[in-house]
Amino acid sequence: MIDLHYWPTPNGKKVTILLEELGMPYKIVPVNIGRGDQFKDEFLEMNPNHRMPVMVDHEPKGGGKPIVVFESGSIMMYLAEKAGKFWPQDTRTKYEVNQWVVWQMANQGPKSGECGHFRRVDQAKEGDQKYAITRFHRRGEPPLRRAQQPAL
């Protein structure tokens, strides 16, 4: 069984979407980030970076003690590999997929969040945000190569 320490943010949701697509059983363990649950000692033992989601696999491949993985991209790689779906095992294709997962984690995800933040800013109070909105909108778009990537 998978325990997913979760709060409904984009990073948490992408992991639950994958779990559903894989048909893997899992249990949600709420981590209320508004209340500061991510700073509790029991959470910090799993993730010293105090960010959710965190996954605990109580039945890892090969047996043994539970495996704890944090960071949504790492969790998704782990789950896809464990299930044998969406994560190719041949070297060339695996790293083709890997680079796009990492690109999403480092670019599209954060930049979309930053763009959304600046779109919600009260511009009458905080000043013109056009530069920030344009900058983060463009940085969050997939590169031109997306036309060659049907999965994107």
Protein backbone atom coordinates (compact mmCIF):
# COMPACT_ATOMS: atom_id res chain seq x y z
CA MET A 1 0.00 0.00 0.00
CA ILE A 2 1.12 3.51 -0.82
CA ASP A 3 0.64 6.31 1.70
CA LEU A 4 0.62 9.71 0.02
CA HIS A 5 1.21 12.62 2.37
CA TYR A 6 -0.76 15.16 0.41
CA TRP A 7 -2.50 18.50 0.17
CA PRO A 8 -4.47 19.50 -2.97
CA THR A 9 -1.80 21.57 -4.68
CA PRO A 10 -0.59 21.06 -8.26
CA ASN A 11 2.36 18.96 -7.04
CA GLY A 12 0.10 16.75 -4.96
CA LYS A 13 -2.53 16.45 -7.66
CA LYS A 14 -0.11 15.30 -10.37
CA VAL A 15 0.89 12.36 -8.16
CA THR A 16 -2.74 11.36 -7.49
CA ILE A 17 -3.50 11.58 -11.21
CA LEU A 18 -0.65 9.16 -11.91
CA LEU A 19 -1.73 6.81 -9.12
CA GLU A 20 -5.23 6.71 -10.61
CA GLU A 21 -3.87 6.11 -14.13
CA LEU A 22 -1.71 3.28 -12.81
CA GLY A 23 -4.62 1.77 -10.88
CA MET A 24 -2.42 1.54 -7.77
CA PRO A 25 -4.12 1.44 -4.38
CA TYR A 26 -3.15 4.33 -2.12
CA LYS A 27 -4.19 6.15 1.02
CA ILE A 28 -4.19 9.92 1.36
CA VAL A 29 -2.57 11.23 4.53
CA PRO A 30 -3.59 14.90 4.71
CA VAL A 31 -0.81 17.45 5.24
CA ASN A 32 -2.57 20.74 5.90
CA ILE A 33 0.01 23.25 4.71
CA GLY A 34 -2.17 26.16 5.84
CA ARG A 35 -1.91 24.87 9.40
CA GLY A 36 1.81 24.10 9.07
CA ASP A 37 1.63 20.29 9.22
CA GLN A 38 4.69 20.10 6.95
CA PHE A 39 6.82 21.48 9.81
CA LYS A 40 5.89 18.77 12.31
CA ASP A 41 8.70 16.46 13.40
CA GLU A 42 7.07 13.32 11.97
CA PHE A 43 6.80 14.96 8.56
CA LEU A 44 10.33 16.38 8.66
CA GLU A 45 11.67 12.87 9.33
CA MET A 46 10.33 11.89 5.90
CA ASN A 47 11.22 15.12 4.13
CA PRO A 48 13.69 17.54 5.71
CA ASN A 49 12.76 19.99 2.93
CA HIS A 50 9.29 20.32 4.57
CA ARG A 51 7.42 20.18 1.27
CA MET A 52 4.69 17.86 0.23
CA PRO A 53 3.93 15.45 -1.31
CA VAL A 54 5.77 12.56 0.30
CA MET A 55 5.13 8.92 -0.64
CA VAL A 56 5.69 5.91 1.60
CA ASP A 57 5.61 2.56 -0.19
CA HIS A 58 4.95 -0.12 2.41
CA GLU A 59 5.30 -2.88 -0.20
CA PRO A 60 8.33 -1.99 -2.32
CA LYS A 61 9.45 -4.19 -5.18
CA GLY A 62 11.74 -6.83 -3.76
CA GLY A 63 10.28 -6.47 -0.27
CA GLY A 64 12.08 -4.99 2.72
CA LYS A 65 11.37 -1.92 4.78
CA PRO A 66 9.15 0.88 3.41
CA ILE A 67 10.61 3.27 0.87
CA VAL A 68 10.05 7.00 1.40
CA VAL A 69 10.29 9.34 -1.60
CA PHE A 70 9.71 13.11 -1.64
CA GLU A 71 9.39 15.58 -4.53
CA SER A 72 6.51 14.96 -6.93
CA GLY A 73 8.74 14.24 -9.95
CA SER A 74 10.75 11.65 -8.04
CA ILE A 75 7.56 10.09 -6.71
CA MET A 76 6.11 9.85 -10.22
CA MET A 77 9.29 8.26 -11.58
CA TYR A 78 9.28 5.73 -8.74
CA LEU A 79 5.60 4.83 -9.17
CA ALA A 80 5.78 4.51 -12.96
CA GLU A 81 8.86 2.32 -12.74
CA LYS A 82 7.32 0.15 -10.02
CA ALA A 83 4.13 -0.31 -12.06
CA GLY A 84 6.00 -0.90 -15.31
CA LYS A 85 3.91 1.76 -17.09
CA PHE A 86 4.74 5.20 -18.49
CA TRP A 87 8.45 4.74 -17.66
CA PRO A 88 10.38 3.04 -20.46
CA GLN A 89 13.30 0.83 -19.51
CA ASP A 90 15.42 1.14 -22.64
CA THR A 91 18.06 3.80 -22.12
CA ARG A 92 17.22 6.12 -25.03
CA THR A 93 13.49 6.29 -24.44
CA LYS A 94 13.83 6.42 -20.65
CA TYR A 95 15.95 9.56 -20.86
CA GLU A 96 13.69 11.09 -23.49
CA VAL A 97 10.85 10.82 -20.95
CA ASN A 98 13.12 11.77 -18.04
CA GLN A 99 14.20 15.06 -19.58
CA TRP A 100 10.58 16.14 -20.12
CA VAL A 101 9.59 15.22 -16.55
CA VAL A 102 12.53 17.23 -15.22
CA TRP A 103 11.72 20.10 -17.61
CA GLN A 104 8.15 20.20 -16.28
CA MET A 105 9.35 20.15 -12.66
CA ALA A 106 11.97 22.87 -13.18
CA ASN A 107 10.19 25.08 -15.71
CA GLN A 108 6.52 24.70 -16.55
CA GLY A 109 5.36 23.93 -13.01
CA PRO A 110 7.15 26.71 -11.15
CA LYS A 111 6.83 29.28 -13.91
CA SER A 112 3.09 28.67 -14.27
CA GLY A 113 2.74 29.12 -10.53
CA GLU A 114 4.74 32.33 -10.57
CA CYS A 115 2.74 33.65 -13.52
CA GLY A 116 -0.50 32.88 -11.66
CA HIS A 117 0.82 34.66 -8.58
CA PHE A 118 1.55 37.87 -10.49
CA ARG A 119 -1.80 37.72 -12.31
CA ARG A 120 -3.57 37.73 -8.92
CA VAL A 121 -1.56 40.64 -7.48
CA ASP A 122 -3.58 43.78 -6.84
CA GLN A 123 -1.86 45.97 -9.43
CA ALA A 124 -3.50 49.12 -8.09
CA LYS A 125 -1.78 48.42 -4.78
CA GLU A 126 1.45 46.70 -5.90
CA GLY A 127 2.11 48.37 -9.26
CA ASP A 128 2.24 47.15 -12.83
CA GLN A 129 3.01 43.42 -13.10
CA LYS A 130 3.07 43.10 -16.93
CA TYR A 131 6.79 42.37 -17.07
CA ALA A 132 6.56 39.53 -14.52
CA ILE A 133 3.44 38.05 -16.10
CA THR A 134 5.00 38.07 -19.58
CA ARG A 135 8.33 36.69 -18.33
CA PHE A 136 6.85 33.79 -16.40
CA HIS A 137 4.20 33.02 -19.02
CA ARG A 138 6.86 32.61 -21.72
CA ARG A 139 9.18 30.59 -19.47
CA GLY A 140 6.39 28.14 -18.68
CA GLU A 141 5.63 27.29 -22.29
CA PRO A 142 7.10 24.11 -23.75
CA PRO A 143 9.93 24.71 -26.22
CA LEU A 144 9.21 24.61 -29.96
CA ARG A 145 10.21 20.95 -29.96
CA ARG A 146 6.79 20.11 -28.48
CA ALA A 147 5.42 19.75 -32.00
CA GLN A 148 7.62 16.65 -32.27
CA GLN A 149 6.41 15.28 -28.91
CA PRO A 150 2.88 13.88 -29.20
CA ALA A 151 2.72 13.33 -25.43
CA LEU A 152 3.09 17.06 -24.79
